[in-house]
Amino acid sequence: MSNVCKYSLENTRVYVDVTREEEQLKLVIKNISAQELNMPVEELTERFVRGDVSRTTEGSGLGLSIARSLVTAQGGTFTLSLDGDLFKVTITFPYSSTFLPA
């Protein structure tokens, strides 16, 4: 969410969907990027990588890498996709009714 605040196009919407699909909980965050992301999506979760090397805002390039590592350590999956300037993060976790009511 920190990246959404920093890097979304000003005055645009951010979409957050949380759904349960069979045995998974799914969180999808979508926003319009303020800058063109000029690299392959796979590289965006690498440590110290920033989506646009010309950015002048603060940031170390660790946010997406830390998020991916945290989700993976908890048994989830973290994927990114780009469609033009639409930036999409999908996070899934195994669903267990032991921990969450149906």
PDB file of N, CA and C in Angstrom:
ATOM      1  N   MET A   1       0.823  -1.188   0.000  1.00  0.00           N
ATOM      2  CA  MET A   1       0.000   0.000   0.000  1.00  0.00           C
ATOM      3  C   MET A   1       0.868   1.252   0.000  1.00  0.00           C
ATOM      4  N   SER A   2       2.040   1.156   0.584  1.00  0.00           N
ATOM      5  CA  SER A   2       2.961   2.292   0.565  1.00  0.00           C
ATOM      6  C   SER A   2       3.338   2.654  -0.868  1.00  0.00           C
ATOM      7  N   ASN A   3       3.643   1.635  -1.674  1.00  0.00           N
ATOM      8  CA  ASN A   3       3.971   1.883  -3.079  1.00  0.00           C
ATOM      9  C   ASN A   3       2.793   2.477  -3.837  1.00  0.00           C
ATOM     10  N   VAL A   4       1.586   2.055  -3.518  1.00  0.00           N
ATOM     11  CA  VAL A   4       0.406   2.614  -4.167  1.00  0.00           C
ATOM     12  C   VAL A   4       0.356   4.119  -3.916  1.00  0.00           C
ATOM     13  N   CYS A   5       0.573   4.521  -2.668  1.00  0.00           N
ATOM     14  CA  CYS A   5       0.538   5.949  -2.330  1.00  0.00           C
ATOM     15  C   CYS A   5       1.659   6.725  -3.019  1.00  0.00           C
ATOM     16  N   LYS A   6       2.816   6.134  -3.126  1.00  0.00           N
ATOM     17  CA  LYS A   6       3.966   6.826  -3.720  1.00  0.00           C
ATOM     18  C   LYS A   6       3.922   6.885  -5.240  1.00  0.00           C
ATOM     19  N   TYR A   7       3.482   5.792  -5.879  1.00  0.00           N
ATOM     20  CA  TYR A   7       3.716   5.649  -7.307  1.00  0.00           C
ATOM     21  C   TYR A   7       2.479   5.604  -8.194  1.00  0.00           C
ATOM     22  N   SER A   8       1.279   5.739  -7.623  1.00  0.00           N
ATOM     23  CA  SER A   8       0.066   5.783  -8.446  1.00  0.00           C
ATOM     24  C   SER A   8      -0.065   7.142  -9.115  1.00  0.00           C
ATOM     25  N   LEU A   9      -0.691   7.131 -10.274  1.00  0.00           N
ATOM     26  CA  LEU A   9      -0.994   8.371 -10.960  1.00  0.00           C
ATOM     27  C   LEU A   9      -1.934   9.190 -10.072  1.00  0.00           C
ATOM     28  N   GLU A  10      -1.621  10.450  -9.888  1.00  0.00           N
ATOM     29  CA  GLU A  10      -2.407  11.319  -9.018  1.00  0.00           C
ATOM     30  C   GLU A  10      -3.858  11.392  -9.498  1.00  0.00           C
ATOM     31  N   ASN A  11      -4.771  11.412  -8.531  1.00  0.00           N
ATOM     32  CA  ASN A  11      -6.218  11.534  -8.778  1.00  0.00           C
ATOM     33  C   ASN A  11      -6.810  10.353  -9.545  1.00  0.00           C
ATOM     34  N   THR A  12      -6.206   9.178  -9.406  1.00  0.00           N
ATOM     35  CA  THR A  12      -6.792   7.975 -10.000  1.00  0.00           C
ATOM     36  C   THR A  12      -7.251   7.050  -8.888  1.00  0.00           C
ATOM     37  N   ARG A  13      -7.995   6.044  -9.261  1.00  0.00           N
ATOM     38  CA  ARG A  13      -8.507   5.085  -8.283  1.00  0.00           C
ATOM     39  C   ARG A  13      -7.525   3.947  -8.070  1.00  0.00           C
ATOM     40  N   VAL A  14      -7.641   3.356  -6.891  1.00  0.00           N
ATOM     41  CA  VAL A  14      -6.925   2.133  -6.554  1.00  0.00           C
ATOM     42  C   VAL A  14      -7.999   1.103  -6.224  1.00  0.00           C
ATOM     43  N   TYR A  15      -7.870  -0.079  -6.802  1.00  0.00           N
ATOM     44  CA  TYR A  15      -8.848  -1.136  -6.575  1.00  0.00           C
ATOM     45  C   TYR A  15      -8.227  -2.226  -5.719  1.00  0.00           C
ATOM     46  N   VAL A  16      -8.959  -2.630  -4.679  1.00  0.00           N
ATOM     47  CA  VAL A  16      -8.522  -3.712  -3.800  1.00  0.00           C
ATOM     48  C   VAL A  16      -9.666  -4.715  -3.729  1.00  0.00           C
ATOM     49  N   ASP A  17      -9.391  -5.941  -4.139  1.00  0.00           N
ATOM     50  CA  ASP A  17     -10.382  -7.016  -4.092  1.00  0.00           C
ATOM     51  C   ASP A  17      -9.858  -8.122  -3.200  1.00  0.00           C
ATOM     52  N   VAL A  18     -10.720  -8.610  -2.314  1.00  0.00           N
ATOM     53  CA  VAL A  18     -10.388  -9.766  -1.484  1.00  0.00           C
ATOM     54  C   VAL A  18     -11.472 -10.799  -1.726  1.00  0.00           C
ATOM     55  N   THR A  19     -11.055 -11.975  -2.172  1.00  0.00           N
ATOM     56  CA  THR A  19     -12.015 -13.035  -2.468  1.00  0.00           C
ATOM     57  C   THR A  19     -11.514 -14.364  -1.927  1.00  0.00           C
ATOM     58  N   ARG A  20     -12.435 -15.276  -1.778  1.00  0.00           N
ATOM     59  CA  ARG A  20     -12.083 -16.658  -1.431  1.00  0.00           C
ATOM     60  C   ARG A  20     -12.426 -17.501  -2.642  1.00  0.00           C
ATOM     61  N   GLU A  21     -11.427 -18.204  -3.146  1.00  0.00           N
ATOM     62  CA  GLU A  21     -11.619 -19.072  -4.306  1.00  0.00           C
ATOM     63  C   GLU A  21     -11.203 -20.474  -3.916  1.00  0.00           C
ATOM     64  N   GLU A  22     -12.200 -21.328  -3.719  1.00  0.00           N
ATOM     65  CA  GLU A  22     -11.986 -22.702  -3.278  1.00  0.00           C
ATOM     66  C   GLU A  22     -11.121 -22.734  -2.030  1.00  0.00           C
ATOM     67  N   GLU A  23      -9.901 -23.171  -2.121  1.00  0.00           N
ATOM     68  CA  GLU A  23      -9.040 -23.323  -0.944  1.00  0.00           C
ATOM     69  C   GLU A  23      -8.024 -22.200  -0.806  1.00  0.00           C
ATOM     70  N   GLN A  24      -8.309 -21.037  -1.404  1.00  0.00           N
ATOM     71  CA  GLN A  24      -7.376 -19.919  -1.333  1.00  0.00           C
ATOM     72  C   GLN A  24      -8.086 -18.609  -1.031  1.00  0.00           C
ATOM     73  N   LEU A  25      -7.390 -17.765  -0.293  1.00  0.00           N
ATOM     74  CA  LEU A  25      -7.800 -16.376  -0.142  1.00  0.00           C
ATOM     75  C   LEU A  25      -6.957 -15.573  -1.112  1.00  0.00           C
ATOM     76  N   LYS A  26      -7.585 -14.651  -1.813  1.00  0.00           N
ATOM     77  CA  LYS A  26      -6.890 -13.913  -2.864  1.00  0.00           C
ATOM     78  C   LYS A  26      -7.074 -12.413  -2.639  1.00  0.00           C
ATOM     79  N   LEU A  27      -5.972 -11.683  -2.652  1.00  0.00           N
ATOM     80  CA  LEU A  27      -5.956 -10.233  -2.530  1.00  0.00           C
ATOM     81  C   LEU A  27      -5.374  -9.674  -3.821  1.00  0.00           C
ATOM     82  N   VAL A  28      -6.129  -8.797  -4.488  1.00  0.00           N
ATOM     83  CA  VAL A  28      -5.666  -8.182  -5.729  1.00  0.00           C
ATOM     84  C   VAL A  28      -5.700  -6.668  -5.542  1.00  0.00           C
ATOM     85  N   ILE A  29      -4.573  -6.026  -5.810  1.00  0.00           N
ATOM     86  CA  ILE A  29      -4.467  -4.570  -5.743  1.00  0.00           C
ATOM     87  C   ILE A  29      -4.100  -4.079  -7.131  1.00  0.00           C
ATOM     88  N   LYS A  30      -4.897  -3.126  -7.651  1.00  0.00           N
ATOM     89  CA  LYS A  30      -4.649  -2.585  -8.988  1.00  0.00           C
ATOM     90  C   LYS A  30      -4.612  -1.063  -8.911  1.00  0.00           C
ATOM     91  N   ASN A  31      -3.678  -0.484  -9.626  1.00  0.00           N
ATOM     92  CA  ASN A  31      -3.605   0.967  -9.726  1.00  0.00           C
ATOM     93  C   ASN A  31      -2.952   1.377 -11.036  1.00  0.00           C
ATOM     94  N   ILE A  32      -3.115   2.632 -11.387  1.00  0.00           N
ATOM     95  CA  ILE A  32      -2.473   3.191 -12.574  1.00  0.00           C
ATOM     96  C   ILE A  32      -1.155   3.800 -12.131  1.00  0.00           C
ATOM     97  N   SER A  33      -0.088   3.382 -12.759  1.00  0.00           N
ATOM     98  CA  SER A  33       1.244   3.869 -12.419  1.00  0.00           C
ATOM     99  C   SER A  33       1.441   5.293 -12.933  1.00  0.00           C
ATOM    100  N   ALA A  34       2.049   6.132 -12.109  1.00  0.00           N
ATOM    101  CA  ALA A  34       2.314   7.521 -12.508  1.00  0.00           C
ATOM    102  C   ALA A  34       3.381   7.597 -13.589  1.00  0.00           C
ATOM    103  N   GLN A  35       4.296   6.647 -13.594  1.00  0.00           N
ATOM    104  CA  GLN A  35       5.384   6.625 -14.570  1.00  0.00           C
ATOM    105  C   GLN A  35       5.334   5.324 -15.357  1.00  0.00           C
ATOM    106  N   GLU A  36       5.803   5.370 -16.575  1.00  0.00           N
ATOM    107  CA  GLU A  36       5.920   4.142 -17.357  1.00  0.00           C
ATOM    108  C   GLU A  36       6.960   3.250 -16.694  1.00  0.00           C
ATOM    109  N   LEU A  37       6.620   1.989 -16.527  1.00  0.00           N
ATOM    110  CA  LEU A  37       7.557   1.032 -15.936  1.00  0.00           C
ATOM    111  C   LEU A  37       8.366   0.442 -17.066  1.00  0.00           C
ATOM    112  N   ASN A  38       9.632   0.811 -17.115  1.00  0.00           N
ATOM    113  CA  ASN A  38      10.470   0.503 -18.271  1.00  0.00           C
ATOM    114  C   ASN A  38      11.384  -0.703 -18.056  1.00  0.00           C
ATOM    115  N   MET A  39      10.820  -1.772 -17.503  1.00  0.00           N
ATOM    116  CA  MET A  39      11.585  -3.006 -17.306  1.00  0.00           C
ATOM    117  C   MET A  39      10.638  -4.188 -17.246  1.00  0.00           C
ATOM    118  N   PRO A  40      11.160  -5.386 -17.415  1.00  0.00           N
ATOM    119  CA  PRO A  40      10.302  -6.574 -17.308  1.00  0.00           C
ATOM    120  C   PRO A  40       9.716  -6.697 -15.898  1.00  0.00           C
ATOM    121  N   VAL A  41       8.472  -7.135 -15.815  1.00  0.00           N
ATOM    122  CA  VAL A  41       7.778  -7.224 -14.532  1.00  0.00           C
ATOM    123  C   VAL A  41       8.523  -8.132 -13.542  1.00  0.00           C
ATOM    124  N   GLU A  42       9.218  -9.151 -14.043  1.00  0.00           N
ATOM    125  CA  GLU A  42       9.949 -10.065 -13.168  1.00  0.00           C
ATOM    126  C   GLU A  42      11.032  -9.350 -12.367  1.00  0.00           C
ATOM    127  N   GLU A  43      11.589  -8.293 -12.932  1.00  0.00           N
ATOM    128  CA  GLU A  43      12.674  -7.570 -12.264  1.00  0.00           C
ATOM    129  C   GLU A  43      12.179  -6.642 -11.162  1.00  0.00           C
ATOM    130  N   LEU A  44      10.904  -6.316 -11.154  1.00  0.00           N
ATOM    131  CA  LEU A  44      10.388  -5.353 -10.187  1.00  0.00           C
ATOM    132  C   LEU A  44      10.433  -5.850  -8.752  1.00  0.00           C
ATOM    133  N   THR A  45      10.476  -7.165  -8.546  1.00  0.00           N
ATOM    134  CA  THR A  45      10.552  -7.682  -7.177  1.00  0.00           C
ATOM    135  C   THR A  45      11.978  -8.012  -6.750  1.00  0.00           C
ATOM    136  N   GLU A  46      12.943  -7.682  -7.569  1.00  0.00           N
ATOM    137  CA  GLU A  46      14.341  -7.874  -7.189  1.00  0.00           C
ATOM    138  C   GLU A  46      14.741  -6.775  -6.198  1.00  0.00           C
ATOM    139  N   ARG A  47      15.673  -7.078  -5.327  1.00  0.00           N
ATOM    140  CA  ARG A  47      16.123  -6.106  -4.332  1.00  0.00           C
ATOM    141  C   ARG A  47      16.811  -4.920  -5.002  1.00  0.00           C
ATOM    142  N   PHE A  48      16.533  -3.736  -4.482  1.00  0.00           N
ATOM    143  CA  PHE A  48      17.127  -2.468  -4.899  1.00  0.00           C
ATOM    144  C   PHE A  48      16.763  -2.059  -6.321  1.00  0.00           C
ATOM    145  N   VAL A  49      15.682  -2.616  -6.852  1.00  0.00           N
ATOM    146  CA  VAL A  49      15.232  -2.252  -8.192  1.00  0.00           C
ATOM    147  C   VAL A  49      14.052  -1.308  -8.058  1.00  0.00           C
ATOM    148  N   ARG A  50      14.093  -0.221  -8.820  1.00  0.00           N
ATOM    149  CA  ARG A  50      12.976   0.723  -8.860  1.00  0.00           C
ATOM    150  C   ARG A  50      12.410   0.694 -10.265  1.00  0.00           C
ATOM    151  N   GLY A  51      11.094   0.812 -10.358  1.00  0.00           N
ATOM    152  CA  GLY A  51      10.407   0.682 -11.646  1.00  0.00           C
ATOM    153  C   GLY A  51      10.839   1.697 -12.679  1.00  0.00           C
ATOM    154  N   ASP A  52      11.243   2.859 -12.240  1.00  0.00           N
ATOM    155  CA  ASP A  52      11.662   3.901 -13.170  1.00  0.00           C
ATOM    156  C   ASP A  52      12.922   4.527 -12.607  1.00  0.00           C
ATOM    157  N   VAL A  53      14.025   4.316 -13.264  1.00  0.00           N
ATOM    158  CA  VAL A  53      15.308   4.785 -12.753  1.00  0.00           C
ATOM    159  C   VAL A  53      15.375   6.300 -12.641  1.00  0.00           C
ATOM    160  N   SER A  54      14.474   7.014 -13.306  1.00  0.00           N
ATOM    161  CA  SER A  54      14.494   8.467 -13.234  1.00  0.00           C
ATOM    162  C   SER A  54      13.673   9.010 -12.067  1.00  0.00           C
ATOM    163  N   ARG A  55      13.065   8.134 -11.278  1.00  0.00           N
ATOM    164  CA  ARG A  55      12.260   8.602 -10.147  1.00  0.00           C
ATOM    165  C   ARG A  55      13.122   9.417  -9.197  1.00  0.00           C
ATOM    166  N   THR A  56      12.532  10.468  -8.678  1.00  0.00           N
ATOM    167  CA  THR A  56      13.258  11.300  -7.718  1.00  0.00           C
ATOM    168  C   THR A  56      12.650  11.208  -6.329  1.00  0.00           C
ATOM    169  N   THR A  57      11.640  10.370  -6.140  1.00  0.00           N
ATOM    170  CA  THR A  57      11.042  10.212  -4.826  1.00  0.00           C
ATOM    171  C   THR A  57      11.918   9.336  -3.959  1.00  0.00           C
ATOM    172  N   GLU A  58      11.619   9.369  -2.661  1.00  0.00           N
ATOM    173  CA  GLU A  58      12.376   8.530  -1.738  1.00  0.00           C
ATOM    174  C   GLU A  58      12.058   7.067  -2.000  1.00  0.00           C
ATOM    175  N   GLY A  59      12.895   6.206  -1.494  1.00  0.00           N
ATOM    176  CA  GLY A  59      12.663   4.777  -1.638  1.00  0.00           C
ATOM    177  C   GLY A  59      13.948   4.052  -1.966  1.00  0.00           C
ATOM    178  N   SER A  60      14.020   2.832  -1.449  1.00  0.00           N
ATOM    179  CA  SER A  60      15.241   2.051  -1.614  1.00  0.00           C
ATOM    180  C   SER A  60      15.124   0.984  -2.686  1.00  0.00           C
ATOM    181  N   GLY A  61      13.912   0.748  -3.173  1.00  0.00           N
ATOM    182  CA  GLY A  61      13.715  -0.342  -4.125  1.00  0.00           C
ATOM    183  C   GLY A  61      13.565  -1.682  -3.431  1.00  0.00           C
ATOM    184  N   LEU A  62      13.238  -1.660  -2.139  1.00  0.00           N
ATOM    185  CA  LEU A  62      13.091  -2.900  -1.381  1.00  0.00           C
ATOM    186  C   LEU A  62      11.636  -3.299  -1.137  1.00  0.00           C
ATOM    187  N   GLY A  63      10.691  -2.388  -1.307  1.00  0.00           N
ATOM    188  CA  GLY A  63       9.303  -2.637  -0.924  1.00  0.00           C
ATOM    189  C   GLY A  63       8.695  -3.886  -1.516  1.00  0.00           C
ATOM    190  N   LEU A  64       8.738  -4.044  -2.835  1.00  0.00           N
ATOM    191  CA  LEU A  64       8.140  -5.215  -3.470  1.00  0.00           C
ATOM    192  C   LEU A  64       8.908  -6.490  -3.145  1.00  0.00           C
ATOM    193  N   SER A  65      10.218  -6.379  -3.006  1.00  0.00           N
ATOM    194  CA  SER A  65      11.022  -7.540  -2.653  1.00  0.00           C
ATOM    195  C   SER A  65      10.673  -8.030  -1.240  1.00  0.00           C
ATOM    196  N   ILE A  66      10.546  -7.113  -0.312  1.00  0.00           N
ATOM    197  CA  ILE A  66      10.178  -7.479   1.061  1.00  0.00           C
ATOM    198  C   ILE A  66       8.774  -8.058   1.095  1.00  0.00           C
ATOM    199  N   ALA A  67       7.845  -7.442   0.384  1.00  0.00           N
ATOM    200  CA  ALA A  67       6.469  -7.950   0.346  1.00  0.00           C
ATOM    201  C   ALA A  67       6.427  -9.371  -0.196  1.00  0.00           C
ATOM    202  N   ARG A  68       7.130  -9.602  -1.293  1.00  0.00           N
ATOM    203  CA  ARG A  68       7.168 -10.950  -1.886  1.00  0.00           C
ATOM    204  C   ARG A  68       7.765 -11.955  -0.898  1.00  0.00           C
ATOM    205  N   SER A  69       8.871 -11.597  -0.244  1.00  0.00           N
ATOM    206  CA  SER A  69       9.515 -12.501   0.715  1.00  0.00           C
ATOM    207  C   SER A  69       8.608 -12.812   1.903  1.00  0.00           C
ATOM    208  N   LEU A  70       7.920 -11.802   2.409  1.00  0.00           N
ATOM    209  CA  LEU A  70       7.023 -11.991   3.547  1.00  0.00           C
ATOM    210  C   LEU A  70       5.856 -12.907   3.178  1.00  0.00           C
ATOM    211  N   VAL A  71       5.254 -12.667   2.029  1.00  0.00           N
ATOM    212  CA  VAL A  71       4.134 -13.501   1.585  1.00  0.00           C
ATOM    213  C   VAL A  71       4.599 -14.947   1.379  1.00  0.00           C
ATOM    214  N   THR A  72       5.739 -15.121   0.733  1.00  0.00           N
ATOM    215  CA  THR A  72       6.271 -16.464   0.479  1.00  0.00           C
ATOM    216  C   THR A  72       6.599 -17.185   1.786  1.00  0.00           C
ATOM    217  N   ALA A  73       7.175 -16.480   2.748  1.00  0.00           N
ATOM    218  CA  ALA A  73       7.519 -17.076   4.037  1.00  0.00           C
ATOM    219  C   ALA A  73       6.273 -17.559   4.789  1.00  0.00           C
ATOM    220  N   GLN A  74       5.130 -16.957   4.492  1.00  0.00           N
ATOM    221  CA  GLN A  74       3.877 -17.346   5.141  1.00  0.00           C
ATOM    222  C   GLN A  74       3.087 -18.362   4.321  1.00  0.00           C
ATOM    223  N   GLY A  75       3.714 -18.911   3.274  1.00  0.00           N
ATOM    224  CA  GLY A  75       3.086 -19.952   2.473  1.00  0.00           C
ATOM    225  C   GLY A  75       2.198 -19.444   1.349  1.00  0.00           C
ATOM    226  N   GLY A  76       2.306 -18.161   1.022  1.00  0.00           N
ATOM    227  CA  GLY A  76       1.483 -17.595  -0.033  1.00  0.00           C
ATOM    228  C   GLY A  76       2.246 -17.410  -1.328  1.00  0.00           C
ATOM    229  N   THR A  77       1.562 -16.832  -2.305  1.00  0.00           N
ATOM    230  CA  THR A  77       2.205 -16.497  -3.574  1.00  0.00           C
ATOM    231  C   THR A  77       2.021 -15.000  -3.819  1.00  0.00           C
ATOM    232  N   PHE A  78       2.983 -14.408  -4.503  1.00  0.00           N
ATOM    233  CA  PHE A  78       2.992 -12.974  -4.786  1.00  0.00           C
ATOM    234  C   PHE A  78       3.358 -12.812  -6.243  1.00  0.00           C
ATOM    235  N   THR A  79       2.435 -12.279  -7.042  1.00  0.00           N
ATOM    236  CA  THR A  79       2.724 -12.094  -8.455  1.00  0.00           C
ATOM    237  C   THR A  79       2.374 -10.668  -8.885  1.00  0.00           C
ATOM    238  N   LEU A  80       3.118 -10.186  -9.845  1.00  0.00           N
ATOM    239  CA  LEU A  80       2.893  -8.870 -10.422  1.00  0.00           C
ATOM    240  C   LEU A  80       2.528  -9.033 -11.879  1.00  0.00           C
ATOM    241  N   SER A  81       1.723  -8.110 -12.375  1.00  0.00           N
ATOM    242  CA  SER A  81       1.483  -8.060 -13.812  1.00  0.00           C
ATOM    243  C   SER A  81       1.301  -6.608 -14.221  1.00  0.00           C
ATOM    244  N   LEU A  82       1.636  -6.342 -15.463  1.00  0.00           N
ATOM    245  CA  LEU A  82       1.485  -5.018 -16.049  1.00  0.00           C
ATOM    246  C   LEU A  82       0.668  -5.130 -17.320  1.00  0.00           C
ATOM    247  N   ASP A  83      -0.241  -4.191 -17.490  1.00  0.00           N
ATOM    248  CA  ASP A  83      -0.991  -4.096 -18.738  1.00  0.00           C
ATOM    249  C   ASP A  83      -0.984  -2.617 -19.096  1.00  0.00           C
ATOM    250  N   GLY A  84      -0.011  -2.213 -19.893  1.00  0.00           N
ATOM    251  CA  GLY A  84       0.181  -0.788 -20.162  1.00  0.00           C
ATOM    252  C   GLY A  84       0.584  -0.097 -18.874  1.00  0.00           C
ATOM    253  N   ASP A  85      -0.223   0.857 -18.424  1.00  0.00           N
ATOM    254  CA  ASP A  85       0.092   1.551 -17.180  1.00  0.00           C
ATOM    255  C   ASP A  85      -0.682   0.995 -15.979  1.00  0.00           C
ATOM    256  N   LEU A  86      -1.443  -0.109 -16.179  1.00  0.00           N
ATOM    257  CA  LEU A  86      -2.156  -0.756 -15.077  1.00  0.00           C
ATOM    258  C   LEU A  86      -1.210  -1.715 -14.365  1.00  0.00           C
ATOM    259  N   PHE A  87      -0.982  -1.452 -13.097  1.00  0.00           N
ATOM    260  CA  PHE A  87      -0.088  -2.246 -12.258  1.00  0.00           C
ATOM    261  C   PHE A  87      -0.964  -3.112 -11.362  1.00  0.00           C
ATOM    262  N   LYS A  88      -0.688  -4.404 -11.320  1.00  0.00           N
ATOM    263  CA  LYS A  88      -1.536  -5.327 -10.568  1.00  0.00           C
ATOM    264  C   LYS A  88      -0.683  -6.270  -9.728  1.00  0.00           C
ATOM    265  N   VAL A  89      -1.010  -6.355  -8.443  1.00  0.00           N
ATOM    266  CA  VAL A  89      -0.366  -7.286  -7.521  1.00  0.00           C
ATOM    267  C   VAL A  89      -1.427  -8.291  -7.087  1.00  0.00           C
ATOM    268  N   THR A  90      -1.095  -9.572  -7.173  1.00  0.00           N
ATOM    269  CA  THR A  90      -2.001 -10.623  -6.710  1.00  0.00           C
ATOM    270  C   THR A  90      -1.289 -11.433  -5.633  1.00  0.00           C
ATOM    271  N   ILE A  91      -1.935 -11.526  -4.478  1.00  0.00           N
ATOM    272  CA  ILE A  91      -1.392 -12.279  -3.350  1.00  0.00           C
ATOM    273  C   ILE A  91      -2.407 -13.351  -2.994  1.00  0.00           C
ATOM    274  N   THR A  92      -1.952 -14.587  -2.864  1.00  0.00           N
ATOM    275  CA  THR A  92      -2.849 -15.668  -2.453  1.00  0.00           C
ATOM    276  C   THR A  92      -2.260 -16.376  -1.243  1.00  0.00           C
ATOM    277  N   PHE A  93      -3.172 -16.860  -0.394  1.00  0.00           N
ATOM    278  CA  PHE A  93      -2.804 -17.667   0.762  1.00  0.00           C
ATOM    279  C   PHE A  93      -3.725 -18.866   0.813  1.00  0.00           C
ATOM    280  N   PRO A  94      -3.209 -20.005   1.287  1.00  0.00           N
ATOM    281  CA  PRO A  94      -4.089 -21.157   1.476  1.00  0.00           C
ATOM    282  C   PRO A  94      -5.193 -20.790   2.465  1.00  0.00           C
ATOM    283  N   TYR A  95      -6.419 -21.218   2.184  1.00  0.00           N
ATOM    284  CA  TYR A  95      -7.561 -20.958   3.056  1.00  0.00           C
ATOM    285  C   TYR A  95      -7.761 -22.141   3.972  1.00  0.00           C
ATOM    286  N   SER A  96      -7.960 -21.848   5.238  1.00  0.00           N
ATOM    287  CA  SER A  96      -8.263 -22.894   6.194  1.00  0.00           C
ATOM    288  C   SER A  96      -9.397 -22.418   7.084  1.00  0.00           C
ATOM    289  N   SER A  97     -10.488 -23.154   7.119  1.00  0.00           N
ATOM    290  CA  SER A  97     -11.625 -22.763   7.964  1.00  0.00           C
ATOM    291  C   SER A  97     -11.271 -22.891   9.439  1.00  0.00           C
ATOM    292  N   THR A  98     -10.152 -23.537   9.758  1.00  0.00           N
ATOM    293  CA  THR A  98      -9.693 -23.621  11.139  1.00  0.00           C
ATOM    294  C   THR A  98      -9.366 -22.238  11.670  1.00  0.00           C
ATOM    295  N   PHE A  99      -8.840 -21.375  10.812  1.00  0.00           N
ATOM    296  CA  PHE A  99      -8.416 -20.047  11.223  1.00  0.00           C
ATOM    297  C   PHE A  99      -9.439 -18.974  10.908  1.00  0.00           C
ATOM    298  N   LEU A 100     -10.225 -19.171   9.866  1.00  0.00           N
ATOM    299  CA  LEU A 100     -11.185 -18.171   9.436  1.00  0.00           C
ATOM    300  C   LEU A 100     -12.558 -18.805   9.258  1.00  0.00           C
ATOM    301  N   PRO A 101     -13.604 -18.130   9.694  1.00  0.00           N
ATOM    302  CA  PRO A 101     -14.952 -18.704   9.485  1.00  0.00           C
ATOM    303  C   PRO A 101     -15.316 -18.673   8.005  1.00  0.00           C
ATOM    304  N   ALA A 102     -16.190 -19.569   7.620  1.00  0.00           N
ATOM    305  CA  ALA A 102     -16.626 -19.654   6.219  1.00  0.00           C
ATOM    306  C   ALA A 102     -17.435 -18.452   5.812  1.00  0.00           C
TER     307      ALA A 102
END
